[in-house]
Protein backbone atom coordinates (compact mmCIF):
# COMPACT_ATOMS: atom_id res chain seq x y z
CA MET A 1 2.12 86.74 21.56
CA ASN A 2 2.51 84.70 24.76
CA ILE A 3 0.10 82.09 23.44
CA LEU A 4 2.04 81.81 20.18
CA ARG A 5 5.30 81.51 22.11
CA TYR A 6 3.95 78.66 24.19
CA LEU A 7 2.39 76.96 21.16
CA ASP A 8 5.53 77.18 18.98
CA ILE A 9 5.55 73.43 18.32
CA LYS A 10 8.78 73.41 16.30
CA SER A 11 10.85 75.12 18.99
CA LEU A 12 9.29 72.93 21.70
CA VAL A 13 10.25 69.76 19.84
CA LYS A 14 13.80 71.01 19.31
CA GLN A 15 14.20 71.93 22.97
CA PHE A 16 12.75 68.60 24.10
CA LYS A 17 15.30 66.68 21.97
CA THR A 18 18.27 68.67 23.28
CA GLU A 19 17.57 69.49 26.93
CA GLY A 20 14.00 68.49 27.71
CA LEU A 21 11.11 70.74 28.63
CA SER A 22 11.19 73.28 31.40
CA MET A 23 8.92 72.82 34.38
CA ARG A 24 6.74 75.72 33.29
CA ARG A 25 6.19 74.41 29.77
CA ARG A 26 5.83 70.85 31.00
CA PHE A 27 3.12 71.97 33.43
CA ALA A 28 1.33 73.92 30.69
CA PHE A 29 1.61 71.00 28.25
CA TYR A 30 0.23 68.46 30.74
CA VAL A 31 -2.69 70.64 31.81
CA PHE A 32 -3.52 71.46 28.19
CA SER A 33 -3.34 67.74 27.25
CA VAL A 34 -5.67 66.82 30.09
CA ILE A 35 -8.18 69.46 29.06
CA CYS A 36 -8.03 68.36 25.41
CA LEU A 37 -8.46 64.72 26.43
CA PHE A 38 -11.43 65.69 28.57
CA LEU A 39 -12.96 67.58 25.63
CA ALA A 40 -12.32 64.59 23.32
CA VAL A 41 -14.11 62.24 25.74
CA ILE A 42 -17.04 64.66 25.89
CA ILE A 43 -17.16 64.80 22.07
CA ILE A 44 -17.18 60.98 21.83
CA LEU A 45 -19.95 60.66 24.44
CA LEU A 46 -22.02 63.39 22.79
CA ASN A 47 -21.59 61.64 19.44
CA LEU A 48 -22.61 58.26 20.88
CA PHE A 49 -25.77 59.72 22.40
CA GLY A 50 -26.61 61.74 19.29
CA ILE A 51 -26.19 65.08 21.06
CA LEU A 52 -23.12 66.21 19.14
CA ASN A 53 -25.18 67.24 16.15
CA PRO A 54 -28.30 68.90 17.57
CA THR A 55 -29.17 70.20 14.11
CA ASN A 56 -29.87 66.67 12.86
CA ARG A 57 -31.98 65.94 15.93
CA GLN A 58 -33.94 69.17 15.50
CA ILE A 59 -34.56 68.42 11.82
CA MET A 60 -35.75 64.90 12.60
CA ASN A 61 -37.96 66.12 15.46
CA ASP A 62 -39.61 68.70 13.20
CA LEU A 63 -40.01 66.18 10.37
CA ASN A 64 -41.48 63.66 12.80
CA ALA A 65 -44.06 66.21 13.97
CA GLN A 66 -44.97 67.00 10.36
CA LEU A 67 -45.08 63.27 9.55
CA SER A 68 -47.56 62.67 12.35
CA ALA A 69 -49.72 65.59 11.23
CA CYS A 70 -49.56 64.50 7.57
CA SER A 71 -50.47 60.88 8.47
CA ASP A 72 -53.46 62.05 10.49
CA SER A 73 -54.54 64.37 7.66
CA ILE A 74 -54.30 61.66 4.99
CA GLU A 75 -56.18 59.15 7.15
CA SER A 76 -58.88 61.72 7.89
CA ASP A 77 -59.21 62.73 4.22
CA CYS A 78 -59.40 59.11 3.06
CA ASP A 79 -62.02 58.32 5.67
CA GLU A 80 -64.03 61.36 4.57
CA LEU A 81 -63.75 60.42 0.90
CA ALA A 82 -64.63 56.80 1.71
CA ALA A 83 -67.72 57.99 3.58
CA CYS A 84 -68.74 60.00 0.51
CA ALA A 85 -68.13 56.93 -1.67
CA ILE A 86 -70.28 54.72 0.57
CA SER A 87 -73.10 57.27 0.39
CA PHE A 88 -72.52 57.48 -3.37
CA SER A 89 -72.80 53.68 -3.60
CA GLY A 90 -76.12 53.72 -1.73
CA GLN A 91 -77.57 56.31 -4.11
CA LEU A 92 -76.46 54.32 -7.15
CA SER A 93 -77.82 51.09 -5.71
CA ASP A 94 -81.24 52.68 -5.15
CA SER A 95 -81.30 54.24 -8.63
CA ILE A 96 -80.35 50.96 -10.30
CA GLN A 97 -82.93 48.99 -8.33
CA ASN A 98 -85.67 51.52 -9.10
CA TYR A 99 -84.81 51.44 -12.79
CA LEU A 100 -84.86 47.64 -12.91
CA THR A 101 -88.18 47.53 -11.04
CA GLU A 102 -89.79 50.16 -13.25
CA ASN A 103 -88.71 48.36 -16.43
CA HIS A 104 -89.43 44.86 -15.10
CA ILE A 105 -85.99 43.47 -15.93
CA SER A 106 -83.26 41.88 -13.85
CA PHE A 107 -79.68 43.05 -13.62
CA ASP A 108 -78.56 40.08 -15.74
CA GLY A 109 -81.04 41.26 -18.38
CA LEU A 110 -78.90 44.38 -18.95
CA GLU A 111 -76.14 42.40 -20.64
CA ASN A 112 -75.95 43.10 -24.40
CA ASN A 113 -78.94 45.43 -23.99
CA SER A 114 -77.42 48.72 -25.15
CA GLU A 115 -80.70 50.65 -25.04
CA ALA A 116 -81.38 49.68 -21.43
CA LEU A 117 -77.78 50.44 -20.44
CA ASP A 118 -77.94 53.87 -22.16
CA ALA A 119 -81.16 54.66 -20.30
CA LEU A 120 -79.69 53.46 -17.00
CA GLN A 121 -76.55 55.56 -17.49
CA ASN A 122 -78.70 58.59 -18.30
CA ARG A 123 -80.42 58.12 -14.94
CA LEU A 124 -77.16 57.53 -13.03
CA TYR A 125 -75.32 60.49 -14.56
CA ASP A 126 -76.78 63.09 -12.19
CA SER A 127 -75.71 61.07 -9.14
CA VAL A 128 -72.15 60.74 -10.47
CA TYR A 129 -71.99 64.43 -11.35
CA LEU A 130 -73.39 65.69 -8.04
CA ASN A 131 -71.21 63.42 -5.91
CA MET A 132 -68.13 64.52 -7.85
CA GLN A 133 -69.05 68.15 -7.10
CA VAL A 134 -69.34 67.69 -3.32
CA ALA A 135 -66.51 65.19 -2.75
CA PRO A 136 -62.87 66.34 -2.36
CA ALA A 137 -61.83 64.42 -5.48
CA SER A 138 -60.57 65.05 -8.99
CA GLY A 139 -63.10 62.69 -10.57
CA ALA A 140 -65.88 60.20 -9.94
CA PHE A 141 -66.94 56.95 -11.54
CA CYS A 142 -69.36 54.07 -11.40
CA ILE A 143 -68.73 50.81 -13.26
CA LEU A 144 -71.36 48.06 -13.50
CA ASP A 145 -70.57 44.39 -13.82
CA THR A 146 -72.33 44.16 -17.19
CA THR A 147 -71.65 45.16 -20.79
CA ALA A 148 -73.36 46.04 -24.03
CA ASN A 149 -70.91 43.83 -25.92
CA ASN A 150 -69.82 40.61 -24.31
CA HIS A 151 -68.14 39.44 -27.52
CA SER A 152 -65.19 41.85 -27.36
CA ASP A 153 -61.64 40.49 -27.15
CA ALA A 154 -61.06 42.10 -23.75
CA PRO A 155 -63.83 42.22 -21.11
CA LEU A 156 -65.65 45.56 -21.14
CA TYR A 157 -67.91 47.06 -18.49
CA SER A 158 -70.62 49.68 -18.75
CA GLY A 159 -70.20 52.78 -16.60
CA ILE A 160 -69.62 56.52 -16.26
CA TYR A 161 -66.31 58.22 -15.56
CA LEU A 162 -66.17 62.00 -15.03
CA LYS A 163 -62.94 63.88 -14.42
CA TYR A 164 -62.03 67.53 -13.93
CA ILE A 165 -59.79 68.94 -16.61
CA ASN A 166 -57.94 71.29 -14.24
CA LEU A 167 -57.81 71.98 -10.52
CA TYR A 168 -56.86 75.36 -9.13
CA SER A 169 -57.75 75.02 -5.47
CA GLU A 170 -58.52 72.46 -2.82
CA ASN A 171 -62.23 73.13 -3.33
CA THR A 172 -63.31 71.36 -6.50
CA VAL A 173 -66.87 72.73 -6.51
CA ASN A 174 -67.90 74.35 -9.85
CA ASN A 175 -64.63 73.49 -11.57
CA ASP A 176 -65.02 72.57 -15.22
CA PHE A 177 -64.55 68.93 -16.14
CA SER A 178 -63.43 67.49 -19.40
CA ILE A 179 -62.74 63.78 -19.53
CA TYR A 180 -65.87 61.70 -19.95
CA ARG A 181 -66.27 57.99 -20.51
CA GLY A 182 -69.66 56.44 -20.86
CA SER A 183 -72.69 56.26 -23.10
CA PHE A 184 -72.48 58.47 -26.17
CA SER A 185 -76.15 59.44 -25.96
CA THR A 186 -75.80 60.41 -22.28
CA GLY A 187 -72.77 62.59 -22.95
CA LYS A 188 -74.35 64.22 -25.98
CA SER A 189 -77.53 65.04 -24.10
CA ARG A 190 -75.43 66.77 -21.41
CA GLY A 191 -73.48 68.85 -23.93
CA ILE A 192 -70.16 67.15 -23.13
CA ASN A 193 -67.27 67.59 -25.56
CA PHE A 194 -65.87 64.21 -26.57
CA HIS A 195 -62.07 64.04 -26.57
CA SER A 196 -59.74 61.46 -28.01
CA GLY A 197 -59.77 59.52 -24.76
CA TRP A 198 -63.52 58.92 -24.83
CA LYS A 199 -64.71 55.33 -24.62
CA ASN A 200 -68.20 53.95 -24.45
CA GLU A 201 -67.21 51.25 -21.95
CA SER A 202 -64.24 50.67 -19.67
CA SER A 203 -61.90 47.73 -19.28
CA THR A 204 -60.82 46.70 -15.78
CA ASP A 205 -59.75 43.58 -13.91
CA PHE A 206 -61.26 44.79 -10.66
CA PHE A 207 -64.29 42.49 -10.82
CA GLU A 208 -62.06 39.40 -10.99
CA HIS A 209 -61.13 39.93 -7.33
CA CYS A 210 -64.01 42.12 -6.19
CA SER A 211 -65.84 39.52 -4.11
CA GLU A 212 -62.62 38.38 -2.48
CA ILE A 213 -61.56 41.95 -1.62
CA PHE A 214 -64.83 42.93 0.03
CA SER A 215 -65.58 39.55 1.66
CA ASP A 216 -63.87 40.32 4.99
CA GLY A 217 -65.91 43.38 5.93
CA THR A 218 -63.70 45.85 4.09
CA HIS A 219 -65.73 48.98 3.35
CA TYR A 220 -63.46 50.58 0.79
CA VAL A 221 -60.20 50.04 -1.09
CA LEU A 222 -57.55 52.64 -1.94
CA SER A 223 -55.56 51.73 -5.05
CA PRO A 224 -51.89 52.49 -5.72
CA ALA A 225 -51.04 55.49 -7.87
CA VAL A 226 -51.41 54.30 -11.48
CA PRO A 227 -51.39 56.01 -14.90
CA ILE A 228 -54.82 57.07 -16.18
CA PRO A 229 -55.29 55.36 -19.58
CA ASP A 230 -54.97 57.65 -22.61
CA THR A 231 -53.71 60.59 -20.48
CA TRP A 232 -50.44 61.86 -19.08
CA GLU A 233 -51.79 61.85 -15.53
CA ARG A 234 -51.63 59.43 -12.62
CA ALA A 235 -54.22 58.91 -9.90
CA ARG A 236 -55.41 56.79 -7.00
CA TYR A 237 -58.95 55.47 -6.76
CA ILE A 238 -61.29 54.95 -3.83
CA TYR A 239 -63.38 51.85 -4.61
CA VAL A 240 -66.68 51.00 -2.89
CA PRO A 241 -68.92 48.11 -4.02
CA ILE A 242 -72.44 48.65 -5.38
CA ARG A 243 -74.79 45.93 -4.08
CA ASP A 244 -78.27 44.84 -5.04
CA HIS A 245 -81.10 44.05 -2.61
CA ASN A 246 -79.65 40.52 -2.18
CA ASP A 247 -76.29 41.98 -1.13
CA ASN A 248 -74.64 40.78 -4.36
CA ILE A 249 -71.94 43.04 -5.82
CA ILE A 250 -73.22 44.36 -9.16
CA GLY A 251 -70.72 47.14 -9.63
CA VAL A 252 -68.18 49.45 -8.10
CA CYS A 253 -68.07 53.22 -7.65
CA GLY A 254 -65.75 55.75 -6.11
CA PHE A 255 -63.56 58.77 -6.61
CA GLU A 256 -60.29 59.68 -8.25
CA ILE A 257 -57.40 61.47 -6.50
CA ASN A 258 -54.91 62.57 -9.14
CA ASP A 259 -51.40 63.91 -8.53
CA LEU A 260 -52.46 67.52 -8.93
CA LEU A 261 -55.20 67.21 -6.31
CA PHE A 262 -52.74 65.56 -3.92
CA GLN A 263 -50.33 68.47 -4.45
CA LEU A 264 -53.07 71.00 -3.74
CA SER A 265 -54.30 69.11 -0.68
CA TYR A 266 -50.87 68.62 0.91
CA LYS A 267 -48.90 71.62 -0.24
CA THR A 268 -45.14 71.73 0.17
CA GLU A 269 -44.28 73.62 3.32
CA ASP A 270 -41.54 76.25 3.39
CA GLY A 271 -40.34 76.08 7.00
CA ARG A 272 -37.13 76.63 8.91
CA TRP A 273 -35.51 73.73 7.04
CA GLY A 274 -36.64 74.79 3.58
CA ASP A 275 -39.21 73.00 1.41
CA VAL A 276 -40.67 69.97 3.19
CA THR A 277 -42.35 67.52 0.82
CA SER A 278 -44.92 64.95 1.92
CA GLY A 279 -46.01 61.83 0.06
CA LEU A 280 -48.20 58.74 0.15
CA LEU A 281 -46.12 55.77 -1.01
CA ASP A 282 -46.89 52.33 -2.44
CA GLU A 283 -44.38 49.50 -2.03
CA SER A 284 -43.81 46.49 -4.27
CA ASP A 285 -40.82 44.15 -3.80
CA GLY A 286 -38.88 46.84 -1.95
CA ILE A 287 -39.44 49.47 -4.67
CA TYR A 288 -41.59 52.51 -3.91
CA SER A 289 -43.72 54.90 -5.92
CA GLY A 290 -46.53 57.23 -5.01
CA GLN A 291 -47.94 60.73 -4.91
CA PHE A 292 -46.10 63.74 -3.53
CA SER A 293 -46.96 67.29 -2.57
CA SER A 294 -44.30 68.51 -5.00
CA GLY A 295 -44.76 67.95 -8.71
CA ARG A 296 -41.05 67.36 -9.24
CA TYR A 297 -41.37 63.91 -7.61
CA ASN A 298 -44.72 62.85 -9.15
CA THR A 299 -43.25 60.56 -11.79
CA GLU A 300 -43.45 56.89 -12.53
CA ASN A 301 -39.76 56.42 -11.77
CA ALA A 302 -38.95 53.85 -9.08
CA LEU A 303 -38.02 55.21 -5.67
CA ASN A 304 -35.47 53.46 -3.44
CA ILE A 305 -35.61 54.01 0.32
CA LYS A 306 -32.82 53.08 2.74
CA SER A 307 -32.57 53.65 6.49
CA LYS A 308 -29.55 55.45 7.90
CA ASN A 309 -28.89 56.99 11.31
CA GLY A 310 -32.53 56.99 12.37
CA SER A 311 -33.83 58.51 9.12
CA GLN A 312 -34.63 57.43 5.56
CA ARG A 313 -32.75 58.24 2.39
CA PHE A 314 -35.01 58.70 -0.66
CA ASP A 315 -33.29 58.08 -4.00
CA PHE A 316 -35.28 59.32 -7.01
CA GLY A 317 -32.35 58.75 -9.35
CA SER A 318 -31.72 62.33 -10.40
CA GLU A 319 -32.39 63.70 -6.93
CA LYS A 320 -31.99 62.52 -3.34
CA CYS A 321 -33.88 63.47 -0.19
CA VAL A 322 -33.69 62.80 3.55
CA GLY A 323 -36.71 62.30 5.76
CA LEU A 324 -38.95 59.92 7.70
CA THR A 325 -41.71 57.43 6.89
CA ASN A 326 -44.67 56.05 8.79
CA GLU A 327 -46.97 53.16 7.90
CA ILE A 328 -50.75 53.65 7.90
CA VAL A 329 -53.63 51.36 6.94
CA LEU A 330 -56.17 52.72 4.47
CA GLY A 331 -59.01 50.39 3.60
CA ASN A 332 -57.41 46.97 3.67
CA GLU A 333 -53.94 47.97 2.44
CA THR A 334 -50.84 49.32 4.15
CA PHE A 335 -49.27 52.49 2.77
CA SER A 336 -46.29 54.59 3.82
CA VAL A 337 -46.54 58.30 4.52
CA ALA A 338 -43.30 60.21 3.97
CA VAL A 339 -41.99 63.68 4.73
CA MET A 340 -38.60 64.79 3.41
CA ILE A 341 -36.31 67.61 2.43
CA GLN A 342 -33.70 67.70 -0.28
CA LYS A 343 -30.42 66.07 0.66
CA THR A 344 -28.49 69.20 -0.33
CA GLN A 345 -30.62 71.26 2.08
CA TYR A 346 -30.17 68.67 4.81
CA GLU A 347 -26.38 68.53 4.44
CA SER A 348 -26.16 72.32 4.32
CA PHE A 349 -27.95 72.65 7.67
CA LEU A 350 -25.79 69.87 9.15
CA ARG A 351 -22.59 71.61 8.04
CA LYS A 352 -23.74 74.86 9.63
CA GLY A 353 -24.46 73.02 12.88
CA GLN A 354 -21.10 71.22 12.79
CA ILE A 355 -19.26 74.51 12.15
CA ASN A 356 -21.00 76.07 15.15
CA ILE A 357 -20.01 73.15 17.35
CA LEU A 358 -16.44 73.28 16.03
CA LEU A 359 -16.24 76.98 16.84
CA VAL A 360 -17.45 76.31 20.37
CA PHE A 361 -14.78 73.67 20.97
CA LEU A 362 -12.12 75.84 19.33
CA ILE A 363 -12.95 78.71 21.66
CA ALA A 364 -12.86 76.25 24.57
CA ALA A 365 -9.38 75.05 23.48
CA ILE A 366 -8.07 78.63 23.26
CA LEU A 367 -9.46 79.40 26.70
CA ALA A 368 -7.81 76.22 28.01
CA ALA A 369 -4.44 77.33 26.60
CA VAL A 370 -4.82 80.78 28.20
CA CYS A 371 -5.67 79.15 31.53
CA CYS A 372 -2.59 76.91 31.29
CA ILE A 373 -0.32 79.91 30.74
CA PHE A 374 -1.92 81.80 33.58
CA MET A 375 -1.59 78.84 35.95
CA SER A 376 2.04 78.37 34.90
CA LYS A 377 2.93 81.96 35.69
CA LYS A 378 0.87 82.00 38.86
CA TYR A 379 2.11 78.80 40.49
CA VAL A 380 5.17 77.40 38.69
CA SER A 381 7.17 80.63 38.35
CA PRO A 382 7.40 81.26 42.15
CA ILE A 383 8.66 77.70 42.67
CA LEU A 384 11.34 78.12 40.00
CA LYS A 385 12.35 81.45 41.51
CA LYS A 386 12.88 79.88 44.94
CA ILE A 387 14.94 77.03 43.45
CA GLU A 388 17.19 79.55 41.69
CA GLN A 389 17.68 81.37 44.98
CA VAL A 390 18.67 78.11 46.65
CA LYS A 391 21.13 77.28 43.86
CA ALA A 392 22.72 80.75 44.09
CA LYS A 393 23.48 80.43 47.84
CA GLU A 394 26.43 78.44 49.20
CA ASP A 395 24.76 78.22 52.57
CA TYR A 396 21.15 77.44 51.78
CA GLY A 397 20.00 76.73 55.29
CA GLU A 398 17.70 78.66 57.52
CA GLN A 399 18.94 82.07 56.44
CA LEU A 400 16.81 81.83 53.25
CA ARG A 401 13.70 81.33 55.41
CA ILE A 402 11.78 79.51 52.66
CA ARG A 403 9.39 77.32 54.58
CA GLU A 404 8.55 74.88 51.77
CA ILE A 405 12.20 74.25 50.85
CA ASP A 406 13.30 73.98 54.51
CA ASP A 407 10.53 71.46 55.08
CA LEU A 408 11.71 69.54 52.02
CA PHE A 409 15.31 69.22 53.31
CA ALA A 410 14.10 68.29 56.78
CA PHE A 411 11.86 65.67 55.26
CA LEU A 412 14.73 64.21 53.20
CA GLU A 413 16.99 64.07 56.29
CA GLU A 414 14.27 62.36 58.27
CA LYS A 415 13.86 59.85 55.47
CA ASP A 416 17.61 59.11 55.45
CA ASN A 417 17.58 58.44 59.20
CA TYR A 418 14.53 56.30 58.80
CA TYR A 419 16.12 54.23 56.02
CA GLU A 420 19.34 53.74 58.09
CA GLN A 421 17.28 52.50 61.01
CA GLN A 422 15.40 50.20 58.68
CA LEU A 423 18.71 48.83 57.36
CA ASP A 424 19.97 48.15 60.91
CA ASP A 425 16.73 46.39 61.75
CA LEU A 426 17.04 44.26 58.64
CA GLU A 427 20.64 43.27 59.54
CA ASN A 428 19.55 42.27 63.05
CA ALA A 429 16.62 40.31 61.62
CA LYS A 430 18.98 38.55 59.23
CA ARG A 431 21.32 37.48 62.05
CA PHE A 432 18.39 36.29 64.16
CA ALA A 433 17.00 34.31 61.22
CA GLU A 434 20.38 32.66 60.61
CA GLU A 435 20.59 31.62 64.31
CA GLU A 436 17.06 30.25 64.22
CA ALA A 437 17.85 28.35 61.03
CA GLN A 438 20.91 26.77 62.68
CA LYS A 439 18.84 25.72 65.69
CA ALA A 440 16.17 24.28 63.42
CA LYS A 441 18.82 22.32 61.55
CA GLU A 442 20.14 20.80 64.77
CA GLU A 443 16.60 19.92 65.89
CA TYR A 444 15.96 18.31 62.50
CA GLU A 445 19.07 16.15 62.78
CA LYS A 446 18.01 15.01 66.28
CA ALA A 447 14.51 14.19 65.05
CA SER A 448 15.96 12.25 62.11
CA LYS A 449 18.01 10.08 64.47
CA LYS A 450 14.95 9.41 66.63
CA TYR A 451 12.96 8.53 63.52
CA GLU A 452 15.55 6.00 62.40
CA LEU A 453 15.60 4.39 65.86
CA ALA A 454 11.80 4.23 65.93
CA LYS A 455 11.71 2.73 62.45
CA SER A 456 14.19 0.05 63.46
CA GLU A 457 12.08 -0.71 66.53
CA ILE A 458 8.94 -0.98 64.41
CA ASP A 459 10.66 -3.35 62.00
CA ARG A 460 11.79 -5.46 64.96
CA LEU A 461 8.32 -5.57 66.45
CA ALA A 462 6.84 -6.44 63.08
CA GLU A 463 9.16 -9.39 62.76
CA LYS A 464 8.22 -10.44 66.26
CA HIS A 465 4.50 -10.23 65.51
CA LYS A 466 5.09 -12.11 62.32
CA GLU A 467 6.38 -15.02 64.31
CA GLU A 468 3.30 -14.90 66.61
CA ILE A 469 0.76 -14.94 63.75
CA VAL A 470 -0.45 -18.24 62.25
CA PRO A 471 0.48 -18.03 58.52
CA GLU A 472 -2.63 -19.90 57.35
CA GLU A 473 -4.96 -17.50 59.22
CA TYR A 474 -3.10 -14.45 57.89
CA GLN A 475 -3.20 -15.81 54.34
CA PHE A 476 -6.98 -16.37 54.65
CA PHE A 477 -7.33 -12.79 55.94
CA VAL A 478 -5.46 -11.30 52.96
CA GLU A 479 -7.23 -13.40 50.33
CA ASN A 480 -10.74 -12.54 51.62
CA LEU A 481 -10.33 -8.78 51.96
CA SER A 482 -11.76 -8.50 48.44
CA THR A 483 -14.98 -10.20 49.59
CA LEU A 484 -15.92 -7.26 51.83
CA THR A 485 -18.75 -5.06 50.64
CA PRO A 486 -18.05 -1.31 50.16
CA ALA A 487 -19.75 -0.54 53.47
CA GLU A 488 -17.77 -3.28 55.29
CA TYR A 489 -14.52 -2.16 53.70
CA ARG A 490 -15.20 1.43 54.82
CA VAL A 491 -15.62 0.16 58.42
CA TYR A 492 -12.37 -1.79 58.02
CA GLU A 493 -10.50 1.34 56.85
CA LEU A 494 -11.84 3.42 59.74
CA TYR A 495 -10.61 0.75 62.25
CA LEU A 496 -7.19 0.95 60.59
CA SER A 497 -7.14 4.73 60.96
CA GLY A 498 -7.55 4.34 64.73
CA LYS A 499 -11.22 5.28 65.06
CA THR A 500 -13.33 3.82 67.90
CA ALA A 501 -16.65 2.05 67.36
CA LYS A 502 -18.58 5.11 68.53
CA GLN A 503 -16.63 7.42 66.21
CA ILE A 504 -17.19 5.09 63.24
CA ALA A 505 -20.95 5.01 63.89
CA GLU A 506 -21.03 8.84 63.96
CA ILE A 507 -18.94 9.18 60.78
CA LEU A 508 -21.08 6.68 58.82
CA HIS A 509 -24.34 7.91 60.42
CA ILE A 510 -25.33 4.38 61.49
CA THR A 511 -26.46 2.84 64.75
CA GLU A 512 -24.21 0.75 66.97
CA ASN A 513 -26.31 -2.33 66.17
CA THR A 514 -25.68 -1.79 62.46
CA LEU A 515 -21.95 -1.44 63.20
CA LYS A 516 -22.02 -4.68 65.20
CA TYR A 517 -23.69 -6.34 62.24
CA HIS A 518 -20.89 -5.11 59.93
CA ASN A 519 -18.26 -6.29 62.48
CA LYS A 520 -19.79 -9.75 62.55
CA ASN A 521 -19.71 -10.03 58.76
CA ILE A 522 -16.11 -8.71 58.59
CA TYR A 523 -14.89 -11.19 61.24
CA SER A 524 -16.70 -14.05 59.53
CA LYS A 525 -15.37 -13.25 56.02
CA LEU A 526 -11.76 -12.63 57.17
CA GLY A 527 -11.62 -15.58 59.62
CA ILE A 528 -10.80 -13.50 62.70
CA SER A 529 -12.37 -13.33 66.13
CA SER A 530 -11.59 -9.84 67.44
CA ARG A 531 -10.73 -6.29 66.49
CA LYS A 532 -7.28 -6.76 68.03
CA GLN A 533 -6.57 -9.64 65.65
CA LEU A 534 -7.96 -7.54 62.80
CA LEU A 535 -5.59 -4.68 63.57
CA ARG A 536 -2.64 -7.04 63.98
CA PHE A 537 -3.23 -8.68 60.56
CA ALA A 538 -3.81 -5.28 58.95
CA ALA A 539 -0.56 -3.86 60.43
CA LEU A 540 1.38 -6.85 59.15
CA LYS A 541 -0.13 -6.46 55.70
CA GLN A 542 0.77 -2.74 55.61
CA HIS A 543 4.32 -3.54 56.71
CA ARG A 544 4.76 -6.19 54.00
CA ASP A 545 3.14 -3.98 51.33
CA GLY A 546 5.55 -1.19 52.28
CA LYS A 547 8.57 -3.46 51.86
CA GLU A 548 7.35 -4.66 48.49
CA ASP A 549 7.03 -1.00 47.33
CA GLY A 550 10.56 -0.31 48.46
CA THR A 551 9.52 2.10 51.24
């Protein structure tokens, strides 16, 4: 009830307008304001340093740890699959070379030779099948840079493509496979069921850039996630070149990683922040796509990513997520690894964190108000009580025996005496200053009279000297002053200022012989024979110049 009474804003405003606030309430208001201001400054600083919302920092720290682990896992898995593909390529290369040697034909001799290509595929099938079984992949393939029909509209290439129909675990060993592309006779001899997507040969544009891609020492290439022709699935492909004994690229082989395998390999984690989804992203002109550990995001729809407050915002169109990304290099291409949670989950956790922080500061504000009231009653109330006692007494001197109030009155009396003494001192100082000013005025008038007499005497002497000076010599002196060099004119000015020859040499940092040399030139140019004559002509010139200026 006391807190509500002190925090009755309406009554406080009314009282302030009519009679002002009491000392007790004013004290409580000021202390409470200072505490609130202090809390506000703390909030601003915590917000600037990102400490105000520890929930966001904790989420980002956990996501960053998972991002690092996911990046390492993807790099390790790709390296492992690439190693399998390189071994796969070596097996195929040996099988092809043995077949060509046994049948005494060259690789170029396979073109348009359907029987030879069927026989070669029949030999290569076991290698493709076995490597698909042992590799962590959803399919395997080998494509040779040759064809049984080079007259087709689109370039076709002979090869084998095996793909599992379903995946139920990370281990693909002994899983049934369905999709087959390759020689009809090879598939029939293996008891393979031919589906609508079967093709005898494959079309690809990979060989157009194959030599360029693998010319810089690149061992393997990881493709972007692309739709698998004639299916509803998408996949990435690990490509490794097949080379002949002359190191020429005669084909390409590798493994398939479809969306389902990626989901099984990098399952969505259900942690303290809900479902965390990971993904391997491809970027083209600022638009992203890729494979994700959750099937809800494995679509061909474009993904937009924007950075905000140290994290990334993933916009899938119908759904939005918040997370982090990290770039990794696989093969010769740069990809982005992402981890994220749904935006709704993220905002829910943030709101919970903000509510907790708000509750903490609210409790702190209530405690501050309680402290203000306590301090008011503890320290202000006794002061008010003593003042009321003083007001109630006609004689409020020593008989009250309130030390603080007695000291206050004594202090005020001492101040009054001090101010009176200061006023007397100021009056005395004023009188003294006025007397000094009068004396200074009289001294100034005397000095002015002496100055006028001296000026008259100087004018008289100047007229006298004027009569003693030969006009032609003086005229020559004045006309040739302009012929002096800057150094000579500086010496001339220093003589006029009353400096001796020794002083001039020190000022100009020259020797006495150099000064004598300047003197000789000055005398010669001005038509004079001594420094005395020089000073006399110069004084006359200054006197005449002063009269012409009206001074």
